[in-house]
Amino acid sequence: MAILKLEDGTLQTDIKRIAQELEPLDIHLNRWVVADQPQLQSLLAQDSLNEDEKERVLKALNGYFQQLQQTVGYQTRDLMVMHPGGV
């Protein structure tokens, strides 16, 4: 679930509205389904990940990264774990 908190304190949870808010900043929001990967869901539900777990997440999402390489020329990737409990 995506949550965007605006400067005025408004919370946006609708993915289309979040994308509209981010577009003027040249930020493009993609939503990728991971429901068919229970191990990945388990990792993403954690508050934090160690380096091995982060690498497992990156490998599980490698197909999406390859798509971005081909469509918009991405060369590298990184992973930032953001969990609602940490906000």
C-alpha atoms as a PDB file:
ATOM      1  CA  MET A   1       0.000   0.000   0.000  1.00  0.00           C
ATOM      2  CA  ALA A   2       1.319   3.414  -0.908  1.00  0.00           C
ATOM      3  CA  ILE A   3       0.773   6.359   1.412  1.00  0.00           C
ATOM      4  CA  LEU A   4       1.779   9.913   0.584  1.00  0.00           C
ATOM      5  CA  LYS A   5       1.606  12.625   3.218  1.00  0.00           C
ATOM      6  CA  LEU A   6       1.251  16.077   1.679  1.00  0.00           C
ATOM      7  CA  GLU A   7       2.644  19.276   3.169  1.00  0.00           C
ATOM      8  CA  ASP A   8      -0.795  20.233   4.483  1.00  0.00           C
ATOM      9  CA  GLY A   9      -1.006  16.929   6.379  1.00  0.00           C
ATOM     10  CA  THR A  10      -3.423  15.298   3.938  1.00  0.00           C
ATOM     11  CA  LEU A  11      -2.818  11.578   3.439  1.00  0.00           C
ATOM     12  CA  GLN A  12      -3.218  10.129  -0.042  1.00  0.00           C
ATOM     13  CA  THR A  13      -3.629   6.369  -0.407  1.00  0.00           C
ATOM     14  CA  ASP A  14      -5.092   6.140  -3.904  1.00  0.00           C
ATOM     15  CA  ILE A  15      -2.266   5.095  -6.224  1.00  0.00           C
ATOM     16  CA  LYS A  16      -3.558   7.221  -9.117  1.00  0.00           C
ATOM     17  CA  ARG A  17      -3.805  10.352  -6.973  1.00  0.00           C
ATOM     18  CA  ILE A  18      -0.334   9.727  -5.539  1.00  0.00           C
ATOM     19  CA  ALA A  19       1.043   9.401  -9.073  1.00  0.00           C
ATOM     20  CA  GLN A  20      -0.630  12.707 -10.017  1.00  0.00           C
ATOM     21  CA  GLU A  21       0.973  14.446  -7.024  1.00  0.00           C
ATOM     22  CA  LEU A  22       4.426  13.095  -7.875  1.00  0.00           C
ATOM     23  CA  GLU A  23       4.313  13.703 -11.634  1.00  0.00           C
ATOM     24  CA  PRO A  24       5.238  17.435 -11.461  1.00  0.00           C
ATOM     25  CA  LEU A  25       8.389  16.366  -9.587  1.00  0.00           C
ATOM     26  CA  ASP A  26       9.284  14.035 -12.491  1.00  0.00           C
ATOM     27  CA  ILE A  27       8.716  11.030 -10.246  1.00  0.00           C
ATOM     28  CA  HIS A  28       7.000   8.138 -11.961  1.00  0.00           C
ATOM     29  CA  LEU A  29       5.204   5.653  -9.768  1.00  0.00           C
ATOM     30  CA  ASN A  30       4.873   2.007 -10.740  1.00  0.00           C
ATOM     31  CA  ARG A  31       2.992  -0.633  -8.813  1.00  0.00           C
ATOM     32  CA  TRP A  32       4.282  -4.167  -9.174  1.00  0.00           C
ATOM     33  CA  VAL A  33       2.391  -7.209  -7.983  1.00  0.00           C
ATOM     34  CA  VAL A  34       4.266  -9.552  -5.645  1.00  0.00           C
ATOM     35  CA  ALA A  35       1.232 -11.498  -4.410  1.00  0.00           C
ATOM     36  CA  ASP A  36       2.346 -14.657  -6.186  1.00  0.00           C
ATOM     37  CA  GLN A  37       5.628 -14.716  -4.247  1.00  0.00           C
ATOM     38  CA  PRO A  38       4.897 -15.608  -0.580  1.00  0.00           C
ATOM     39  CA  GLN A  39       8.579 -15.522   0.439  1.00  0.00           C
ATOM     40  CA  LEU A  40       8.934 -12.021  -0.955  1.00  0.00           C
ATOM     41  CA  GLN A  41       5.768 -10.900   0.816  1.00  0.00           C
ATOM     42  CA  SER A  42       7.198 -12.221   4.068  1.00  0.00           C
ATOM     43  CA  LEU A  43      10.402 -10.223   3.605  1.00  0.00           C
ATOM     44  CA  LEU A  44       8.560  -7.048   2.671  1.00  0.00           C
ATOM     45  CA  ALA A  45       6.393  -7.305   5.791  1.00  0.00           C
ATOM     46  CA  GLN A  46       9.433  -7.018   8.064  1.00  0.00           C
ATOM     47  CA  ASP A  47      10.394  -3.748   9.757  1.00  0.00           C
ATOM     48  CA  SER A  48      13.981  -4.054   8.534  1.00  0.00           C
ATOM     49  CA  LEU A  49      16.099  -6.332   6.361  1.00  0.00           C
ATOM     50  CA  ASN A  50      19.709  -7.437   6.556  1.00  0.00           C
ATOM     51  CA  GLU A  51      21.935  -7.268   3.466  1.00  0.00           C
ATOM     52  CA  ASP A  52      21.202 -10.871   2.429  1.00  0.00           C
ATOM     53  CA  GLU A  53      17.460 -10.293   2.676  1.00  0.00           C
ATOM     54  CA  LYS A  54      17.735  -7.087   0.632  1.00  0.00           C
ATOM     55  CA  GLU A  55      19.603  -8.997  -2.069  1.00  0.00           C
ATOM     56  CA  ARG A  56      16.859 -11.651  -2.094  1.00  0.00           C
ATOM     57  CA  VAL A  57      14.253  -8.924  -2.627  1.00  0.00           C
ATOM     58  CA  LEU A  58      16.269  -7.389  -5.470  1.00  0.00           C
ATOM     59  CA  LYS A  59      16.676 -10.780  -7.145  1.00  0.00           C
ATOM     60  CA  ALA A  60      12.956 -11.508  -6.816  1.00  0.00           C
ATOM     61  CA  LEU A  61      12.161  -8.188  -8.517  1.00  0.00           C
ATOM     62  CA  ASN A  62      14.869  -8.506 -11.169  1.00  0.00           C
ATOM     63  CA  GLY A  63      12.321  -8.921 -13.979  1.00  0.00           C
ATOM     64  CA  TYR A  64      10.928  -5.471 -13.236  1.00  0.00           C
ATOM     65  CA  PHE A  65      14.436  -4.010 -13.212  1.00  0.00           C
ATOM     66  CA  GLN A  66      15.183  -5.603 -16.581  1.00  0.00           C
ATOM     67  CA  GLN A  67      12.003  -4.037 -17.951  1.00  0.00           C
ATOM     68  CA  LEU A  68      13.167  -0.613 -16.737  1.00  0.00           C
ATOM     69  CA  GLN A  69      16.592  -1.176 -18.281  1.00  0.00           C
ATOM     70  CA  GLN A  70      14.992  -1.821 -21.654  1.00  0.00           C
ATOM     71  CA  THR A  71      12.321   0.879 -21.560  1.00  0.00           C
ATOM     72  CA  VAL A  72      14.072   3.822 -19.893  1.00  0.00           C
ATOM     73  CA  GLY A  73      17.738   2.835 -19.723  1.00  0.00           C
ATOM     74  CA  TYR A  74      18.198   2.136 -16.015  1.00  0.00           C
ATOM     75  CA  GLN A  75      21.757   1.017 -15.250  1.00  0.00           C
ATOM     76  CA  THR A  76      21.767   0.396 -11.501  1.00  0.00           C
ATOM     77  CA  ARG A  77      19.332  -0.287  -8.716  1.00  0.00           C
ATOM     78  CA  ASP A  78      19.170  -0.002  -4.970  1.00  0.00           C
ATOM     79  CA  LEU A  79      16.713  -0.936  -2.277  1.00  0.00           C
ATOM     80  CA  MET A  80      15.293   1.263   0.446  1.00  0.00           C
ATOM     81  CA  VAL A  81      13.036  -0.446   2.970  1.00  0.00           C
ATOM     82  CA  MET A  82      10.329   1.881   4.194  1.00  0.00           C
ATOM     83  CA  HIS A  83       7.873   0.461   6.690  1.00  0.00           C
ATOM     84  CA  PRO A  84       4.811   2.273   8.085  1.00  0.00           C
ATOM     85  CA  GLY A  85       5.852   1.325  11.623  1.00  0.00           C
ATOM     86  CA  GLY A  86       9.058   3.320  11.195  1.00  0.00           C
ATOM     87  CA  VAL A  87       7.389   6.601  10.197  1.00  0.00           C
END
